[in-house]
PDB file of N, CA and C in Angstrom:
ATOM      1  N   MET A   1       1.146  49.978  22.667  1.00  0.00           N
ATOM      2  CA  MET A   1       0.320  48.577  22.347  1.00  0.00           C
ATOM      3  C   MET A   1      -1.535  49.405  22.810  1.00  0.00           C
ATOM      4  N   PHE A   2      -0.694  49.905  23.967  1.00  0.00           N
ATOM      5  CA  PHE A   2      -2.131  51.213  24.595  1.00  0.00           C
ATOM      6  C   PHE A   2      -2.086  51.640  23.879  1.00  0.00           C
ATOM      7  N   GLU A   3      -2.021  52.463  23.271  1.00  0.00           N
ATOM      8  CA  GLU A   3      -2.532  53.666  22.432  1.00  0.00           C
ATOM      9  C   GLU A   3      -2.641  53.003  21.081  1.00  0.00           C
ATOM     10  N   LYS A   4      -2.304  52.024  20.012  1.00  0.00           N
ATOM     11  CA  LYS A   4      -3.361  51.305  19.256  1.00  0.00           C
ATOM     12  C   LYS A   4      -4.523  50.963  19.723  1.00  0.00           C
ATOM     13  N   MET A   5      -4.947  50.292  21.137  1.00  0.00           N
ATOM     14  CA  MET A   5      -6.007  50.058  21.538  1.00  0.00           C
ATOM     15  C   MET A   5      -6.718  50.744  21.717  1.00  0.00           C
ATOM     16  N   GLN A   6      -6.327  52.034  22.041  1.00  0.00           N
ATOM     17  CA  GLN A   6      -7.277  53.599  22.684  1.00  0.00           C
ATOM     18  C   GLN A   6      -7.432  54.056  20.833  1.00  0.00           C
ATOM     19  N   ARG A   7      -6.832  53.946  19.858  1.00  0.00           N
ATOM     20  CA  ARG A   7      -7.438  54.741  19.029  1.00  0.00           C
ATOM     21  C   ARG A   7      -8.282  54.095  18.409  1.00  0.00           C
ATOM     22  N   ALA A   8      -8.089  52.828  18.537  1.00  0.00           N
ATOM     23  CA  ALA A   8      -9.068  51.694  17.775  1.00  0.00           C
ATOM     24  C   ALA A   8     -10.571  52.029  18.545  1.00  0.00           C
ATOM     25  N   PHE A   9     -10.619  51.971  19.688  1.00  0.00           N
ATOM     26  CA  PHE A   9     -12.003  52.432  20.733  1.00  0.00           C
ATOM     27  C   PHE A   9     -12.590  53.286  20.257  1.00  0.00           C
ATOM     28  N   TRP A  10     -11.875  54.840  19.965  1.00  0.00           N
ATOM     29  CA  TRP A  10     -12.615  56.087  19.667  1.00  0.00           C
ATOM     30  C   TRP A  10     -12.632  55.747  18.364  1.00  0.00           C
ATOM     31  N   ARG A  11     -12.339  55.514  17.548  1.00  0.00           N
ATOM     32  CA  ARG A  11     -12.470  55.147  15.894  1.00  0.00           C
ATOM     33  C   ARG A  11     -13.513  54.852  15.904  1.00  0.00           C
ATOM     34  N   ALA A  12     -14.005  53.603  16.696  1.00  0.00           N
ATOM     35  CA  ALA A  12     -15.721  52.477  16.495  1.00  0.00           C
ATOM     36  C   ALA A  12     -16.305  53.413  17.955  1.00  0.00           C
ATOM     37  N   LEU A  13     -15.699  54.268  18.401  1.00  0.00           N
ATOM     38  CA  LEU A  13     -17.348  55.084  19.175  1.00  0.00           C
ATOM     39  C   LEU A  13     -17.262  56.146  18.100  1.00  0.00           C
ATOM     40  N   THR A  14     -16.543  56.816  17.403  1.00  0.00           N
ATOM     41  CA  THR A  14     -16.232  57.905  16.848  1.00  0.00           C
ATOM     42  C   THR A  14     -16.097  58.405  15.696  1.00  0.00           C
ATOM     43  N   PRO A  15     -16.113  57.487  13.818  1.00  0.00           N
ATOM     44  CA  PRO A  15     -15.400  56.862  13.243  1.00  0.00           C
ATOM     45  C   PRO A  15     -15.366  57.943  12.604  1.00  0.00           C
ATOM     46  N   ASP A  16     -16.299  59.385  12.230  1.00  0.00           N
ATOM     47  CA  ASP A  16     -16.561  60.425  11.454  1.00  0.00           C
ATOM     48  C   ASP A  16     -14.730  61.410  11.938  1.00  0.00           C
ATOM     49  N   LEU A  17     -14.923  61.718  12.980  1.00  0.00           N
ATOM     50  CA  LEU A  17     -14.183  61.804  13.373  1.00  0.00           C
ATOM     51  C   LEU A  17     -12.369  61.827  13.500  1.00  0.00           C
ATOM     52  N   LEU A  18     -11.700  60.551  13.094  1.00  0.00           N
ATOM     53  CA  LEU A  18     -10.299  60.434  13.684  1.00  0.00           C
ATOM     54  C   LEU A  18     -10.381  59.739  11.882  1.00  0.00           C
ATOM     55  N   VAL A  19      -9.856  60.966  11.121  1.00  0.00           N
ATOM     56  CA  VAL A  19      -9.780  60.191   9.237  1.00  0.00           C
ATOM     57  C   VAL A  19      -8.229  59.029   9.246  1.00  0.00           C
ATOM     58  N   ASP A  20      -8.773  58.122   8.527  1.00  0.00           N
ATOM     59  CA  ASP A  20      -7.098  57.395   8.361  1.00  0.00           C
ATOM     60  C   ASP A  20      -7.047  57.466   7.076  1.00  0.00           C
ATOM     61  N   GLU A  21      -7.534  57.647   5.930  1.00  0.00           N
ATOM     62  CA  GLU A  21      -7.366  58.138   4.655  1.00  0.00           C
ATOM     63  C   GLU A  21      -8.656  58.853   4.745  1.00  0.00           C
ATOM     64  N   PRO A  22      -8.437  59.673   3.433  1.00  0.00           N
ATOM     65  CA  PRO A  22      -9.233  60.217   2.508  1.00  0.00           C
ATOM     66  C   PRO A  22     -10.437  59.332   2.059  1.00  0.00           C
ATOM     67  N   LYS A  23     -11.589  59.991   2.276  1.00  0.00           N
ATOM     68  CA  LYS A  23     -13.223  59.642   1.504  1.00  0.00           C
ATOM     69  C   LYS A  23     -12.871  59.814   0.364  1.00  0.00           C
ATOM     70  N   VAL A  24     -14.062  58.794  -0.284  1.00  0.00           N
ATOM     71  CA  VAL A  24     -14.007  59.127  -1.976  1.00  0.00           C
ATOM     72  C   VAL A  24     -14.330  60.027  -2.111  1.00  0.00           C
ATOM     73  N   ALA A  25     -14.597  60.708  -2.449  1.00  0.00           N
ATOM     74  CA  ALA A  25     -15.262  62.822  -3.428  1.00  0.00           C
ATOM     75  C   ALA A  25     -16.346  62.044  -3.688  1.00  0.00           C
ATOM     76  N   ALA A  26     -16.493  61.203  -5.083  1.00  0.00           N
ATOM     77  CA  ALA A  26     -17.343  61.600  -5.425  1.00  0.00           C
ATOM     78  C   ALA A  26     -18.815  59.788  -5.472  1.00  0.00           C
ATOM     79  N   LEU A  27     -19.963  60.147  -5.501  1.00  0.00           N
ATOM     80  CA  LEU A  27     -20.222  58.803  -4.750  1.00  0.00           C
ATOM     81  C   LEU A  27     -20.909  58.355  -5.368  1.00  0.00           C
ATOM     82  N   LEU A  28     -21.386  57.207  -5.743  1.00  0.00           N
ATOM     83  CA  LEU A  28     -21.789  56.511  -7.425  1.00  0.00           C
ATOM     84  C   LEU A  28     -23.074  55.975  -7.173  1.00  0.00           C
ATOM     85  N   SER A  29     -23.188  55.705  -5.432  1.00  0.00           N
ATOM     86  CA  SER A  29     -24.196  55.488  -5.517  1.00  0.00           C
ATOM     87  C   SER A  29     -25.037  55.749  -3.572  1.00  0.00           C
ATOM     88  N   THR A  30     -26.256  55.924  -4.179  1.00  0.00           N
ATOM     89  CA  THR A  30     -27.636  56.170  -2.386  1.00  0.00           C
ATOM     90  C   THR A  30     -27.878  55.004  -1.768  1.00  0.00           C
ATOM     91  N   ASP A  31     -28.418  54.875  -0.543  1.00  0.00           N
ATOM     92  CA  ASP A  31     -28.773  54.544  -0.050  1.00  0.00           C
ATOM     93  C   ASP A  31     -30.474  54.574   0.349  1.00  0.00           C
ATOM     94  N   LEU A  32     -30.023  56.078  -0.104  1.00  0.00           N
ATOM     95  CA  LEU A  32     -31.765  57.067   0.047  1.00  0.00           C
ATOM     96  C   LEU A  32     -32.213  57.206  -0.994  1.00  0.00           C
ATOM     97  N   PRO A  33     -34.296  57.652  -1.244  1.00  0.00           N
ATOM     98  CA  PRO A  33     -35.335  56.917  -2.455  1.00  0.00           C
ATOM     99  C   PRO A  33     -34.415  57.874  -2.718  1.00  0.00           C
ATOM    100  N   SER A  34     -35.061  58.026  -4.116  1.00  0.00           N
ATOM    101  CA  SER A  34     -34.048  58.817  -5.754  1.00  0.00           C
ATOM    102  C   SER A  34     -34.376  59.951  -5.235  1.00  0.00           C
ATOM    103  N   SER A  35     -36.626  59.793  -4.809  1.00  0.00           N
ATOM    104  CA  SER A  35     -37.101  61.267  -4.155  1.00  0.00           C
ATOM    105  C   SER A  35     -36.333  61.874  -3.376  1.00  0.00           C
ATOM    106  N   VAL A  36     -35.923  61.311  -2.083  1.00  0.00           N
ATOM    107  CA  VAL A  36     -34.856  62.473  -1.373  1.00  0.00           C
ATOM    108  C   VAL A  36     -33.555  62.722  -2.126  1.00  0.00           C
ATOM    109  N   VAL A  37     -33.026  62.252  -2.667  1.00  0.00           N
ATOM    110  CA  VAL A  37     -31.616  62.240  -3.540  1.00  0.00           C
ATOM    111  C   VAL A  37     -32.405  63.637  -4.703  1.00  0.00           C
ATOM    112  N   ALA A  38     -33.499  63.405  -4.901  1.00  0.00           N
ATOM    113  CA  ALA A  38     -34.073  64.166  -5.694  1.00  0.00           C
ATOM    114  C   ALA A  38     -33.653  65.722  -5.373  1.00  0.00           C
ATOM    115  N   ALA A  39     -34.615  65.913  -4.019  1.00  0.00           N
ATOM    116  CA  ALA A  39     -34.561  67.283  -3.610  1.00  0.00           C
ATOM    117  C   ALA A  39     -33.396  67.978  -2.738  1.00  0.00           C
ATOM    118  N   LEU A  40     -33.211  67.062  -2.540  1.00  0.00           N
ATOM    119  CA  LEU A  40     -31.582  67.469  -2.357  1.00  0.00           C
ATOM    120  C   LEU A  40     -30.337  67.765  -3.132  1.00  0.00           C
ATOM    121  N   GLY A  41     -31.455  68.206  -4.362  1.00  0.00           N
ATOM    122  CA  GLY A  41     -30.437  68.178  -5.365  1.00  0.00           C
ATOM    123  C   GLY A  41     -29.427  67.912  -6.451  1.00  0.00           C
ATOM    124  N   GLY A  42     -30.297  66.205  -6.140  1.00  0.00           N
ATOM    125  CA  GLY A  42     -29.569  65.154  -7.017  1.00  0.00           C
ATOM    126  C   GLY A  42     -27.830  64.521  -6.413  1.00  0.00           C
ATOM    127  N   LEU A  43     -27.950  63.566  -7.035  1.00  0.00           N
ATOM    128  CA  LEU A  43     -26.837  62.110  -6.941  1.00  0.00           C
ATOM    129  C   LEU A  43     -25.249  63.643  -6.424  1.00  0.00           C
ATOM    130  N   ASP A  44     -25.021  64.488  -8.656  1.00  0.00           N
ATOM    131  CA  ASP A  44     -23.977  65.181  -8.095  1.00  0.00           C
ATOM    132  C   ASP A  44     -24.142  66.094  -6.944  1.00  0.00           C
ATOM    133  N   ASN A  45     -25.237  66.869  -6.870  1.00  0.00           N
ATOM    134  CA  ASN A  45     -24.989  67.332  -5.028  1.00  0.00           C
ATOM    135  C   ASN A  45     -24.396  67.294  -3.840  1.00  0.00           C
ATOM    136  N   LEU A  46     -24.296  65.343  -4.159  1.00  0.00           N
ATOM    137  CA  LEU A  46     -24.238  65.056  -2.866  1.00  0.00           C
ATOM    138  C   LEU A  46     -22.376  65.250  -2.514  1.00  0.00           C
ATOM    139  N   ALA A  47     -21.861  65.693  -1.497  1.00  0.00           N
ATOM    140  CA  ALA A  47     -20.190  65.471  -1.466  1.00  0.00           C
ATOM    141  C   ALA A  47     -20.327  63.879  -0.926  1.00  0.00           C
ATOM    142  N   SER A  48     -20.576  63.859   0.564  1.00  0.00           N
ATOM    143  CA  SER A  48     -21.502  62.571   1.038  1.00  0.00           C
ATOM    144  C   SER A  48     -21.628  62.882   1.990  1.00  0.00           C
ATOM    145  N   GLN A  49     -22.110  61.508   2.367  1.00  0.00           N
ATOM    146  CA  GLN A  49     -23.437  61.147   2.907  1.00  0.00           C
ATOM    147  C   GLN A  49     -22.731  59.466   4.459  1.00  0.00           C
ATOM    148  N   GLN A  50     -22.959  59.898   5.346  1.00  0.00           N
ATOM    149  CA  GLN A  50     -22.529  58.625   6.637  1.00  0.00           C
ATOM    150  C   GLN A  50     -24.381  59.095   7.464  1.00  0.00           C
ATOM    151  N   ARG A  51     -24.456  57.024   6.693  1.00  0.00           N
ATOM    152  CA  ARG A  51     -25.469  56.772   8.231  1.00  0.00           C
ATOM    153  C   ARG A  51     -24.959  57.352   9.869  1.00  0.00           C
ATOM    154  N   ILE A  52     -25.550  57.942  10.480  1.00  0.00           N
ATOM    155  CA  ILE A  52     -24.951  58.152  11.740  1.00  0.00           C
ATOM    156  C   ILE A  52     -25.783  57.593  12.688  1.00  0.00           C
ATOM    157  N   ALA A  53     -27.663  57.257  12.723  1.00  0.00           N
ATOM    158  CA  ALA A  53     -28.295  56.419  13.559  1.00  0.00           C
ATOM    159  C   ALA A  53     -29.081  55.996  12.535  1.00  0.00           C
ATOM    160  N   ILE A  54     -29.823  55.030  13.539  1.00  0.00           N
ATOM    161  CA  ILE A  54     -31.193  54.067  12.546  1.00  0.00           C
ATOM    162  C   ILE A  54     -31.480  55.055  11.874  1.00  0.00           C
ATOM    163  N   THR A  55     -32.466  55.919  12.326  1.00  0.00           N
ATOM    164  CA  THR A  55     -32.916  57.021  11.861  1.00  0.00           C
ATOM    165  C   THR A  55     -32.838  58.284  11.731  1.00  0.00           C
ATOM    166  N   ARG A  56     -30.902  58.600  10.966  1.00  0.00           N
ATOM    167  CA  ARG A  56     -30.857  59.131  10.486  1.00  0.00           C
ATOM    168  C   ARG A  56     -29.517  59.141   9.795  1.00  0.00           C
ATOM    169  N   VAL A  57     -29.589  60.440   8.609  1.00  0.00           N
ATOM    170  CA  VAL A  57     -28.673  60.388   7.772  1.00  0.00           C
ATOM    171  C   VAL A  57     -27.911  62.067   7.622  1.00  0.00           C
ATOM    172  N   ARG A  58     -26.473  61.987   8.352  1.00  0.00           N
ATOM    173  CA  ARG A  58     -25.688  63.423   7.758  1.00  0.00           C
ATOM    174  C   ARG A  58     -25.155  62.881   6.091  1.00  0.00           C
ATOM    175  N   VAL A  59     -25.588  63.780   5.129  1.00  0.00           N
ATOM    176  CA  VAL A  59     -25.506  64.704   3.779  1.00  0.00           C
ATOM    177  C   VAL A  59     -24.433  65.493   4.260  1.00  0.00           C
ATOM    178  N   ARG A  60     -23.352  65.313   3.606  1.00  0.00           N
ATOM    179  CA  ARG A  60     -22.642  67.280   3.449  1.00  0.00           C
ATOM    180  C   ARG A  60     -22.875  67.518   1.874  1.00  0.00           C
ATOM    181  N   LEU A  61     -23.949  68.205   1.104  1.00  0.00           N
ATOM    182  CA  LEU A  61     -24.231  69.015   0.480  1.00  0.00           C
ATOM    183  C   LEU A  61     -22.743  70.067  -0.585  1.00  0.00           C
ATOM    184  N   ARG A  62     -22.691  69.772  -1.683  1.00  0.00           N
ATOM    185  CA  ARG A  62     -21.962  71.250  -2.350  1.00  0.00           C
ATOM    186  C   ARG A  62     -22.646  71.973  -2.693  1.00  0.00           C
ATOM    187  N   ASP A  63     -23.594  71.999  -3.275  1.00  0.00           N
ATOM    188  CA  ASP A  63     -24.354  73.876  -2.810  1.00  0.00           C
ATOM    189  C   ASP A  63     -25.814  74.144  -2.179  1.00  0.00           C
ATOM    190  N   VAL A  64     -25.694  74.284  -1.095  1.00  0.00           N
ATOM    191  CA  VAL A  64     -26.928  74.824  -0.428  1.00  0.00           C
ATOM    192  C   VAL A  64     -28.014  74.697  -0.927  1.00  0.00           C
ATOM    193  N   THR A  65     -28.418  75.654  -1.578  1.00  0.00           N
ATOM    194  CA  THR A  65     -29.317  75.804  -2.157  1.00  0.00           C
ATOM    195  C   THR A  65     -30.666  74.616  -3.117  1.00  0.00           C
ATOM    196  N   ARG A  66     -29.811  74.379  -3.649  1.00  0.00           N
ATOM    197  CA  ARG A  66     -30.793  73.358  -4.440  1.00  0.00           C
ATOM    198  C   ARG A  66     -31.293  72.720  -2.647  1.00  0.00           C
ATOM    199  N   LEU A  67     -31.076  73.039  -1.719  1.00  0.00           N
ATOM    200  CA  LEU A  67     -31.768  71.600  -0.972  1.00  0.00           C
ATOM    201  C   LEU A  67     -33.199  72.044  -1.716  1.00  0.00           C
ATOM    202  N   ASP A  68     -34.633  71.379  -1.320  1.00  0.00           N
ATOM    203  CA  ASP A  68     -35.923  71.726  -1.744  1.00  0.00           C
ATOM    204  C   ASP A  68     -36.753  70.857  -0.344  1.00  0.00           C
ATOM    205  N   GLU A  69     -36.738  71.566   0.914  1.00  0.00           N
ATOM    206  CA  GLU A  69     -37.544  70.650   1.804  1.00  0.00           C
ATOM    207  C   GLU A  69     -38.323  70.693   2.123  1.00  0.00           C
ATOM    208  N   GLN A  70     -39.802  71.241   0.882  1.00  0.00           N
ATOM    209  CA  GLN A  70     -41.016  70.730   1.181  1.00  0.00           C
ATOM    210  C   GLN A  70     -40.604  69.361   0.091  1.00  0.00           C
ATOM    211  N   ALA A  71     -39.771  69.377  -0.647  1.00  0.00           N
ATOM    212  CA  ALA A  71     -39.699  68.321  -1.522  1.00  0.00           C
ATOM    213  C   ALA A  71     -39.511  67.191  -0.704  1.00  0.00           C
ATOM    214  N   LEU A  72     -38.266  66.760   0.201  1.00  0.00           N
ATOM    215  CA  LEU A  72     -37.731  65.679   1.479  1.00  0.00           C
ATOM    216  C   LEU A  72     -38.973  65.319   2.051  1.00  0.00           C
ATOM    217  N   ARG A  73     -40.301  66.527   2.285  1.00  0.00           N
ATOM    218  CA  ARG A  73     -41.664  66.142   3.406  1.00  0.00           C
ATOM    219  C   ARG A  73     -42.217  65.546   2.430  1.00  0.00           C
ATOM    220  N   ALA A  74     -41.978  65.587   1.519  1.00  0.00           N
ATOM    221  CA  ALA A  74     -42.853  65.053   0.807  1.00  0.00           C
ATOM    222  C   ALA A  74     -42.946  64.269   0.422  1.00  0.00           C
ATOM    223  N   ALA A  75     -42.031  63.656   0.109  1.00  0.00           N
ATOM    224  CA  ALA A  75     -40.879  62.741  -0.064  1.00  0.00           C
ATOM    225  C   ALA A  75     -41.326  61.191   1.076  1.00  0.00           C
ATOM    226  N   GLY A  76     -41.109  62.351   2.017  1.00  0.00           N
ATOM    227  CA  GLY A  76     -42.221  61.443   3.391  1.00  0.00           C
ATOM    228  C   GLY A  76     -40.509  61.666   4.260  1.00  0.00           C
ATOM    229  N   VAL A  77     -40.096  62.433   4.350  1.00  0.00           N
ATOM    230  CA  VAL A  77     -38.419  63.201   5.386  1.00  0.00           C
ATOM    231  C   VAL A  77     -39.295  63.326   6.702  1.00  0.00           C
ATOM    232  N   PRO A  78     -40.215  62.962   7.601  1.00  0.00           N
ATOM    233  CA  PRO A  78     -39.933  62.881   8.638  1.00  0.00           C
ATOM    234  C   PRO A  78     -39.708  64.819   9.743  1.00  0.00           C
ATOM    235  N   GLY A  79     -38.420  65.232   8.484  1.00  0.00           N
ATOM    236  CA  GLY A  79     -37.689  65.458   9.310  1.00  0.00           C
ATOM    237  C   GLY A  79     -36.032  66.269   9.418  1.00  0.00           C
ATOM    238  N   VAL A  80     -35.582  67.489   8.755  1.00  0.00           N
ATOM    239  CA  VAL A  80     -34.366  68.225   8.484  1.00  0.00           C
ATOM    240  C   VAL A  80     -33.401  68.982   9.321  1.00  0.00           C
ATOM    241  N   MET A  81     -32.778  68.703   9.203  1.00  0.00           N
ATOM    242  CA  MET A  81     -31.936  69.840  10.481  1.00  0.00           C
ATOM    243  C   MET A  81     -30.273  70.585   9.467  1.00  0.00           C
ATOM    244  N   VAL A  82     -30.482  71.269   8.522  1.00  0.00           N
ATOM    245  CA  VAL A  82     -29.590  72.487   7.282  1.00  0.00           C
ATOM    246  C   VAL A  82     -28.548  72.818   8.878  1.00  0.00           C
ATOM    247  N   LEU A  83     -27.689  72.621   8.786  1.00  0.00           N
ATOM    248  CA  LEU A  83     -26.327  72.979  10.068  1.00  0.00           C
ATOM    249  C   LEU A  83     -25.668  73.706   9.107  1.00  0.00           C
ATOM    250  N   ALA A  84     -24.415  73.784   9.054  1.00  0.00           N
ATOM    251  CA  ALA A  84     -23.940  74.908   8.534  1.00  0.00           C
ATOM    252  C   ALA A  84     -22.547  74.695   7.889  1.00  0.00           C
ATOM    253  N   ASP A  85     -21.979  74.238   7.248  1.00  0.00           N
ATOM    254  CA  ASP A  85     -21.419  74.056   5.472  1.00  0.00           C
ATOM    255  C   ASP A  85     -21.435  73.026   4.643  1.00  0.00           C
ATOM    256  N   GLY A  86     -23.071  72.886   4.374  1.00  0.00           N
ATOM    257  CA  GLY A  86     -23.933  72.452   3.525  1.00  0.00           C
ATOM    258  C   GLY A  86     -23.809  71.143   4.214  1.00  0.00           C
ATOM    259  N   VAL A  87     -23.992  70.829   5.662  1.00  0.00           N
ATOM    260  CA  VAL A  87     -24.077  69.586   6.540  1.00  0.00           C
ATOM    261  C   VAL A  87     -25.569  69.605   6.645  1.00  0.00           C
ATOM    262  N   VAL A  88     -26.270  68.337   6.181  1.00  0.00           N
ATOM    263  CA  VAL A  88     -27.765  68.522   6.782  1.00  0.00           C
ATOM    264  C   VAL A  88     -27.817  66.883   7.331  1.00  0.00           C
ATOM    265  N   HIS A  89     -28.913  67.503   7.821  1.00  0.00           N
ATOM    266  CA  HIS A  89     -29.353  65.863   9.295  1.00  0.00           C
ATOM    267  C   HIS A  89     -30.559  65.554   8.069  1.00  0.00           C
ATOM    268  N   VAL A  90     -30.997  64.637   7.364  1.00  0.00           N
ATOM    269  CA  VAL A  90     -32.058  63.952   6.911  1.00  0.00           C
ATOM    270  C   VAL A  90     -32.890  62.587   8.257  1.00  0.00           C
ATOM    271  N   LEU A  91     -34.135  63.363   8.487  1.00  0.00           N
ATOM    272  CA  LEU A  91     -34.318  61.659   9.573  1.00  0.00           C
ATOM    273  C   LEU A  91     -34.926  61.147   8.741  1.00  0.00           C
ATOM    274  N   THR A  92     -34.988  60.036   9.164  1.00  0.00           N
ATOM    275  CA  THR A  92     -36.012  59.098   8.656  1.00  0.00           C
ATOM    276  C   THR A  92     -36.749  57.882   8.824  1.00  0.00           C
ATOM    277  N   ARG A  93     -37.855  57.055   8.919  1.00  0.00           N
ATOM    278  CA  ARG A  93     -38.806  56.622   9.660  1.00  0.00           C
ATOM    279  C   ARG A  93     -37.628  55.812  10.036  1.00  0.00           C
ATOM    280  N   CYS A  94     -37.986  55.131  11.657  1.00  0.00           N
ATOM    281  CA  CYS A  94     -38.124  54.557  12.745  1.00  0.00           C
ATOM    282  C   CYS A  94     -38.079  52.802  11.150  1.00  0.00           C
ATOM    283  N   PRO A  95     -36.932  52.481  11.208  1.00  0.00           N
ATOM    284  CA  PRO A  95     -37.458  50.437  10.650  1.00  0.00           C
ATOM    285  C   PRO A  95     -38.041  49.510  11.534  1.00  0.00           C
ATOM    286  N   ARG A  96     -39.539  49.283  10.761  1.00  0.00           N
ATOM    287  CA  ARG A  96     -40.766  48.057  11.666  1.00  0.00           C
ATOM    288  C   ARG A  96     -39.881  46.824  11.856  1.00  0.00           C
ATOM    289  N   ARG A  97     -40.672  46.493  13.047  1.00  0.00           N
ATOM    290  CA  ARG A  97     -39.749  45.033  13.746  1.00  0.00           C
ATOM    291  C   ARG A  97     -41.131  44.735  14.027  1.00  0.00           C
ATOM    292  N   ASP A  98     -41.653  43.596  13.108  1.00  0.00           N
ATOM    293  CA  ASP A  98     -42.419  43.151  13.245  1.00  0.00           C
ATOM    294  C   ASP A  98     -42.555  41.899  13.910  1.00  0.00           C
TER     295      ASP A  98
END
C-alpha cells in the first residue's frame, strides 16, 4: 500500500520520468501557434511535446536541422534552448492576469 502511494506521489511530481504506459508517437494537434510549429519544422517533425511550466514547452524533434531559431523569434518566442537528442525547450510569454 505504501509503495503504491509513494509511486503515485512521485508520478505527480515528475510525470515525464515515470513511464507507466507508452506515449503516442504521432501528434494530431498541438497547443502551439502554427507559426511556432512551422519554425520547429512542421507538425510531422514533432515527436512529442509536453508543457512543463506556465512559460515553457518541451518538444522532441525528429530532425533538429529543420529547426529555425530566427523564425521562432519572429513568431514571438522570447527564448529557445536546444538540448541533446532533439529536445528543445520553447519559452513562451507569461499569460496576463487581468
